[in-house]
Amino acid sequence: MKPRMNPRTWQFTSRLNHPIVFWIERVVLALLLASSAYTHRANPFLFYDAFLAYRWPLETFASFLSSYLPALQLVLAALLLFRFLDRAGAWLTAIFFALLTIAQVSAWMRGLSIDCGCFTGFYKEISLQSIGLTVILFVMSLHLACVGNVCRSKTCDEATELESAHAQTQSPATSQ
């Protein structure tokens, strides 16, 4: 006998797995990546200095990343927004935000005072708030990568029909 899912849990997860939620996640992540790429390309020397402030052992690594990271951000934004290779784009975005979170936590734990350089305008210096923002973006992109592509062919109406059909099967009157 299968264990029954709590109706409240089903309602919460079905709302998180609604196609509109995935669309909102895609647009938010794509806009943040594109705006970040724009600010990094607008002042590449400031972005390069931010990489040097992390005190990584290889300065050429900082030069490489400060040159090509904005292009990668634009590619990720395009993959998310236009849904071309959407599963790969979502996974690459999740990996990007995971690495960004690790870099910020590393700098914060070492006590380095660094302008985040990631999303200029949100937070200036690496803090728990900027780390929290990147964690939220990582969770959004991970949700999109793990679950979002399952609903690719579903329309909002089909998702609503599935929701109501599941609710009818879980009602107390039919389970007795």
C-alpha atoms as a PDB file:
ATOM      1  CA  MET A   1       0.000   0.000   0.000  1.00  0.00           C
ATOM      2  CA  LYS A   2       1.349   3.402  -1.013  1.00  0.00           C
ATOM      3  CA  PRO A   3       1.681   6.073   1.667  1.00  0.00           C
ATOM      4  CA  ARG A   4      -0.703   8.950   1.056  1.00  0.00           C
ATOM      5  CA  MET A   5       0.713  12.406   0.539  1.00  0.00           C
ATOM      6  CA  ASN A   6      -0.520  15.103   2.856  1.00  0.00           C
ATOM      7  CA  PRO A   7      -2.974  17.318   0.857  1.00  0.00           C
ATOM      8  CA  ARG A   8      -1.219  20.485   2.020  1.00  0.00           C
ATOM      9  CA  THR A   9       2.130  19.140   0.844  1.00  0.00           C
ATOM     10  CA  TRP A  10       0.607  18.289  -2.534  1.00  0.00           C
ATOM     11  CA  GLN A  11      -0.873  21.771  -2.891  1.00  0.00           C
ATOM     12  CA  PHE A  12       2.473  23.413  -2.084  1.00  0.00           C
ATOM     13  CA  THR A  13       4.519  21.209  -4.421  1.00  0.00           C
ATOM     14  CA  SER A  14       1.970  21.450  -7.218  1.00  0.00           C
ATOM     15  CA  ARG A  15       2.122  25.236  -7.001  1.00  0.00           C
ATOM     16  CA  LEU A  16       5.923  25.172  -7.133  1.00  0.00           C
ATOM     17  CA  ASN A  17       5.786  22.894 -10.157  1.00  0.00           C
ATOM     18  CA  HIS A  18       3.370  25.054 -12.115  1.00  0.00           C
ATOM     19  CA  PRO A  19       4.621  26.163 -15.562  1.00  0.00           C
ATOM     20  CA  ILE A  20       4.194  29.831 -14.627  1.00  0.00           C
ATOM     21  CA  VAL A  21       6.638  29.381 -11.734  1.00  0.00           C
ATOM     22  CA  PHE A  22       9.199  27.913 -14.132  1.00  0.00           C
ATOM     23  CA  TRP A  23       8.655  30.781 -16.554  1.00  0.00           C
ATOM     24  CA  ILE A  24       9.168  33.336 -13.761  1.00  0.00           C
ATOM     25  CA  GLU A  25      12.334  31.543 -12.613  1.00  0.00           C
ATOM     26  CA  ARG A  26      13.703  31.559 -16.169  1.00  0.00           C
ATOM     27  CA  VAL A  27      13.000  35.246 -16.684  1.00  0.00           C
ATOM     28  CA  VAL A  28      14.397  36.315 -13.292  1.00  0.00           C
ATOM     29  CA  LEU A  29      17.583  34.274 -13.700  1.00  0.00           C
ATOM     30  CA  ALA A  30      18.073  35.409 -17.311  1.00  0.00           C
ATOM     31  CA  LEU A  31      17.573  39.087 -16.430  1.00  0.00           C
ATOM     32  CA  LEU A  32      19.983  38.899 -13.497  1.00  0.00           C
ATOM     33  CA  LEU A  33      22.616  37.131 -15.571  1.00  0.00           C
ATOM     34  CA  ALA A  34      22.225  39.596 -18.456  1.00  0.00           C
ATOM     35  CA  SER A  35      22.330  42.653 -16.192  1.00  0.00           C
ATOM     36  CA  SER A  36      25.385  41.252 -14.423  1.00  0.00           C
ATOM     37  CA  ALA A  37      27.119  40.664 -17.747  1.00  0.00           C
ATOM     38  CA  TYR A  38      26.281  44.208 -18.818  1.00  0.00           C
ATOM     39  CA  THR A  39      27.750  45.770 -15.663  1.00  0.00           C
ATOM     40  CA  HIS A  40      30.859  43.589 -15.925  1.00  0.00           C
ATOM     41  CA  ARG A  41      31.409  44.566 -19.566  1.00  0.00           C
ATOM     42  CA  ALA A  42      30.736  48.238 -18.816  1.00  0.00           C
ATOM     43  CA  ASN A  43      33.760  48.397 -16.496  1.00  0.00           C
ATOM     44  CA  PRO A  44      36.019  45.379 -17.104  1.00  0.00           C
ATOM     45  CA  PHE A  45      38.894  46.777 -15.023  1.00  0.00           C
ATOM     46  CA  LEU A  46      36.738  47.047 -11.909  1.00  0.00           C
ATOM     47  CA  PHE A  47      35.592  43.486 -12.523  1.00  0.00           C
ATOM     48  CA  TYR A  48      39.220  42.357 -12.932  1.00  0.00           C
ATOM     49  CA  ASP A  49      40.146  44.083  -9.649  1.00  0.00           C
ATOM     50  CA  ALA A  50      37.285  42.267  -7.916  1.00  0.00           C
ATOM     51  CA  PHE A  51      38.718  38.945  -9.125  1.00  0.00           C
ATOM     52  CA  LEU A  52      42.185  39.890  -7.879  1.00  0.00           C
ATOM     53  CA  ALA A  53      40.730  40.750  -4.472  1.00  0.00           C
ATOM     54  CA  TYR A  54      39.737  37.104  -3.987  1.00  0.00           C
ATOM     55  CA  ARG A  55      43.501  36.353  -3.754  1.00  0.00           C
ATOM     56  CA  TRP A  56      43.456  33.247  -5.866  1.00  0.00           C
ATOM     57  CA  PRO A  57      46.880  31.777  -6.575  1.00  0.00           C
ATOM     58  CA  LEU A  58      46.765  32.308 -10.338  1.00  0.00           C
ATOM     59  CA  GLU A  59      46.423  35.858 -11.590  1.00  0.00           C
ATOM     60  CA  THR A  60      45.983  34.607 -15.155  1.00  0.00           C
ATOM     61  CA  PHE A  61      42.876  32.771 -13.924  1.00  0.00           C
ATOM     62  CA  ALA A  62      41.449  36.120 -12.800  1.00  0.00           C
ATOM     63  CA  SER A  63      42.293  37.660 -16.166  1.00  0.00           C
ATOM     64  CA  PHE A  64      40.646  34.781 -18.023  1.00  0.00           C
ATOM     65  CA  LEU A  65      37.489  34.851 -15.882  1.00  0.00           C
ATOM     66  CA  SER A  66      37.091  38.616 -15.973  1.00  0.00           C
ATOM     67  CA  SER A  67      37.355  38.498 -19.762  1.00  0.00           C
ATOM     68  CA  TYR A  68      35.053  35.572 -20.505  1.00  0.00           C
ATOM     69  CA  LEU A  69      32.611  35.403 -17.603  1.00  0.00           C
ATOM     70  CA  PRO A  70      30.300  38.128 -18.997  1.00  0.00           C
ATOM     71  CA  ALA A  71      30.049  36.192 -22.268  1.00  0.00           C
ATOM     72  CA  LEU A  72      29.236  33.020 -20.339  1.00  0.00           C
ATOM     73  CA  GLN A  73      26.563  34.897 -18.390  1.00  0.00           C
ATOM     74  CA  LEU A  74      24.980  36.112 -21.620  1.00  0.00           C
ATOM     75  CA  VAL A  75      25.028  32.596 -23.073  1.00  0.00           C
ATOM     76  CA  LEU A  76      23.390  31.211 -19.918  1.00  0.00           C
ATOM     77  CA  ALA A  77      20.764  33.974 -20.020  1.00  0.00           C
ATOM     78  CA  ALA A  78      20.004  33.183 -23.659  1.00  0.00           C
ATOM     79  CA  LEU A  79      19.783  29.442 -22.963  1.00  0.00           C
ATOM     80  CA  LEU A  80      17.323  30.068 -20.142  1.00  0.00           C
ATOM     81  CA  LEU A  81      15.245  32.662 -21.916  1.00  0.00           C
ATOM     82  CA  PHE A  82      14.971  31.047 -25.336  1.00  0.00           C
ATOM     83  CA  ARG A  83      14.813  27.479 -23.996  1.00  0.00           C
ATOM     84  CA  PHE A  84      17.458  26.224 -26.369  1.00  0.00           C
ATOM     85  CA  LEU A  85      19.095  23.234 -24.663  1.00  0.00           C
ATOM     86  CA  ASP A  86      17.062  24.238 -21.623  1.00  0.00           C
ATOM     87  CA  ARG A  87      18.029  21.293 -19.415  1.00  0.00           C
ATOM     88  CA  ALA A  88      21.741  21.879 -20.024  1.00  0.00           C
ATOM     89  CA  GLY A  89      21.295  25.625 -19.587  1.00  0.00           C
ATOM     90  CA  ALA A  90      19.525  25.174 -16.269  1.00  0.00           C
ATOM     91  CA  TRP A  91      22.206  22.775 -14.998  1.00  0.00           C
ATOM     92  CA  LEU A  92      25.021  25.078 -16.132  1.00  0.00           C
ATOM     93  CA  THR A  93      23.309  27.986 -14.413  1.00  0.00           C
ATOM     94  CA  ALA A  94      22.987  25.943 -11.207  1.00  0.00           C
ATOM     95  CA  ILE A  95      26.693  25.067 -11.378  1.00  0.00           C
ATOM     96  CA  PHE A  96      27.541  28.733 -12.020  1.00  0.00           C
ATOM     97  CA  PHE A  97      25.613  29.902  -8.955  1.00  0.00           C
ATOM     98  CA  ALA A  98      27.052  27.075  -6.827  1.00  0.00           C
ATOM     99  CA  LEU A  99      30.596  28.146  -7.732  1.00  0.00           C
ATOM    100  CA  LEU A 100      29.718  31.773  -7.108  1.00  0.00           C
ATOM    101  CA  THR A 101      28.341  30.878  -3.674  1.00  0.00           C
ATOM    102  CA  ILE A 102      31.472  28.881  -2.828  1.00  0.00           C
ATOM    103  CA  ALA A 103      33.708  31.778  -3.898  1.00  0.00           C
ATOM    104  CA  GLN A 104      31.742  34.269  -1.814  1.00  0.00           C
ATOM    105  CA  VAL A 105      31.668  32.040   1.266  1.00  0.00           C
ATOM    106  CA  SER A 106      35.423  31.470   0.910  1.00  0.00           C
ATOM    107  CA  ALA A 107      36.132  35.204   0.750  1.00  0.00           C
ATOM    108  CA  TRP A 108      33.739  35.981   3.596  1.00  0.00           C
ATOM    109  CA  MET A 109      35.252  33.301   5.856  1.00  0.00           C
ATOM    110  CA  ARG A 110      38.767  34.594   5.149  1.00  0.00           C
ATOM    111  CA  GLY A 111      37.619  38.068   6.158  1.00  0.00           C
ATOM    112  CA  LEU A 112      38.315  39.671   2.787  1.00  0.00           C
ATOM    113  CA  SER A 113      36.567  42.952   2.119  1.00  0.00           C
ATOM    114  CA  ILE A 114      35.519  42.603  -1.510  1.00  0.00           C
ATOM    115  CA  ASP A 115      32.947  44.397  -3.557  1.00  0.00           C
ATOM    116  CA  CYS A 116      30.814  41.511  -4.713  1.00  0.00           C
ATOM    117  CA  GLY A 117      31.062  42.449  -8.373  1.00  0.00           C
ATOM    118  CA  CYS A 118      28.373  39.909  -9.173  1.00  0.00           C
ATOM    119  CA  PHE A 119      25.146  41.859  -9.182  1.00  0.00           C
ATOM    120  CA  THR A 120      26.139  45.478  -8.761  1.00  0.00           C
ATOM    121  CA  GLY A 121      23.286  47.430  -7.285  1.00  0.00           C
ATOM    122  CA  PHE A 122      22.065  44.703  -4.948  1.00  0.00           C
ATOM    123  CA  TYR A 123      24.883  44.506  -2.383  1.00  0.00           C
ATOM    124  CA  LYS A 124      28.246  46.178  -2.482  1.00  0.00           C
ATOM    125  CA  GLU A 125      30.397  44.124  -0.137  1.00  0.00           C
ATOM    126  CA  ILE A 126      30.291  40.362   0.344  1.00  0.00           C
ATOM    127  CA  SER A 127      28.056  39.701   3.330  1.00  0.00           C
ATOM    128  CA  LEU A 128      25.500  37.206   4.493  1.00  0.00           C
ATOM    129  CA  GLN A 129      22.951  39.063   2.369  1.00  0.00           C
ATOM    130  CA  SER A 130      24.931  38.680  -0.855  1.00  0.00           C
ATOM    131  CA  ILE A 131      25.647  35.030  -0.022  1.00  0.00           C
ATOM    132  CA  GLY A 132      21.945  34.522   0.686  1.00  0.00           C
ATOM    133  CA  LEU A 133      21.081  36.046  -2.688  1.00  0.00           C
ATOM    134  CA  THR A 134      23.389  33.661  -4.535  1.00  0.00           C
ATOM    135  CA  VAL A 135      22.029  30.706  -2.544  1.00  0.00           C
ATOM    136  CA  ILE A 136      18.473  31.680  -3.520  1.00  0.00           C
ATOM    137  CA  LEU A 137      19.522  31.976  -7.166  1.00  0.00           C
ATOM    138  CA  PHE A 138      21.244  28.583  -6.918  1.00  0.00           C
ATOM    139  CA  VAL A 139      18.089  26.993  -5.474  1.00  0.00           C
ATOM    140  CA  MET A 140      15.956  28.586  -8.205  1.00  0.00           C
ATOM    141  CA  SER A 141      18.228  27.310 -10.952  1.00  0.00           C
ATOM    142  CA  LEU A 142      18.462  23.874  -9.325  1.00  0.00           C
ATOM    143  CA  HIS A 143      14.655  23.696  -9.117  1.00  0.00           C
ATOM    144  CA  LEU A 144      14.489  24.642 -12.768  1.00  0.00           C
ATOM    145  CA  ALA A 145      17.104  22.038 -13.702  1.00  0.00           C
ATOM    146  CA  CYS A 146      15.592  19.173 -11.706  1.00  0.00           C
ATOM    147  CA  VAL A 147      11.867  19.727 -12.131  1.00  0.00           C
ATOM    148  CA  GLY A 148      11.278  22.531 -14.607  1.00  0.00           C
ATOM    149  CA  ASN A 149      12.012  20.579 -17.737  1.00  0.00           C
ATOM    150  CA  VAL A 150       9.574  17.818 -16.857  1.00  0.00           C
ATOM    151  CA  CYS A 151       6.708  20.249 -17.435  1.00  0.00           C
ATOM    152  CA  ARG A 152       8.006  21.566 -20.746  1.00  0.00           C
ATOM    153  CA  SER A 153       5.140  20.255 -22.840  1.00  0.00           C
ATOM    154  CA  LYS A 154       2.429  21.001 -20.293  1.00  0.00           C
ATOM    155  CA  THR A 155       0.303  24.061 -20.624  1.00  0.00           C
ATOM    156  CA  CYS A 156      -1.186  25.825 -17.662  1.00  0.00           C
ATOM    157  CA  ASP A 157      -4.546  24.176 -18.372  1.00  0.00           C
ATOM    158  CA  GLU A 158      -3.042  20.688 -18.387  1.00  0.00           C
ATOM    159  CA  ALA A 159      -1.257  21.378 -15.107  1.00  0.00           C
ATOM    160  CA  THR A 160      -4.517  22.588 -13.571  1.00  0.00           C
ATOM    161  CA  GLU A 161      -6.326  19.476 -14.807  1.00  0.00           C
ATOM    162  CA  LEU A 162      -3.639  17.258 -13.296  1.00  0.00           C
ATOM    163  CA  GLU A 163      -3.925  19.170 -10.036  1.00  0.00           C
ATOM    164  CA  SER A 164      -7.703  18.767  -9.835  1.00  0.00           C
ATOM    165  CA  ALA A 165      -7.525  15.072 -10.816  1.00  0.00           C
ATOM    166  CA  HIS A 166      -5.011  14.408  -8.061  1.00  0.00           C
ATOM    167  CA  ALA A 167      -7.096  16.348  -5.546  1.00  0.00           C
ATOM    168  CA  GLN A 168     -10.140  14.219  -6.430  1.00  0.00           C
ATOM    169  CA  THR A 169      -8.208  10.986  -5.927  1.00  0.00           C
ATOM    170  CA  GLN A 170      -6.945  12.204  -2.559  1.00  0.00           C
ATOM    171  CA  SER A 171     -10.315  13.377  -1.207  1.00  0.00           C
ATOM    172  CA  PRO A 172     -11.564  11.503   1.890  1.00  0.00           C
ATOM    173  CA  ALA A 173     -14.842  10.494   0.227  1.00  0.00           C
ATOM    174  CA  THR A 174     -13.172   8.500  -2.536  1.00  0.00           C
ATOM    175  CA  SER A 175     -10.528   6.877  -0.335  1.00  0.00           C
ATOM    176  CA  GLN A 176     -13.053   5.019   1.903  1.00  0.00           C
END
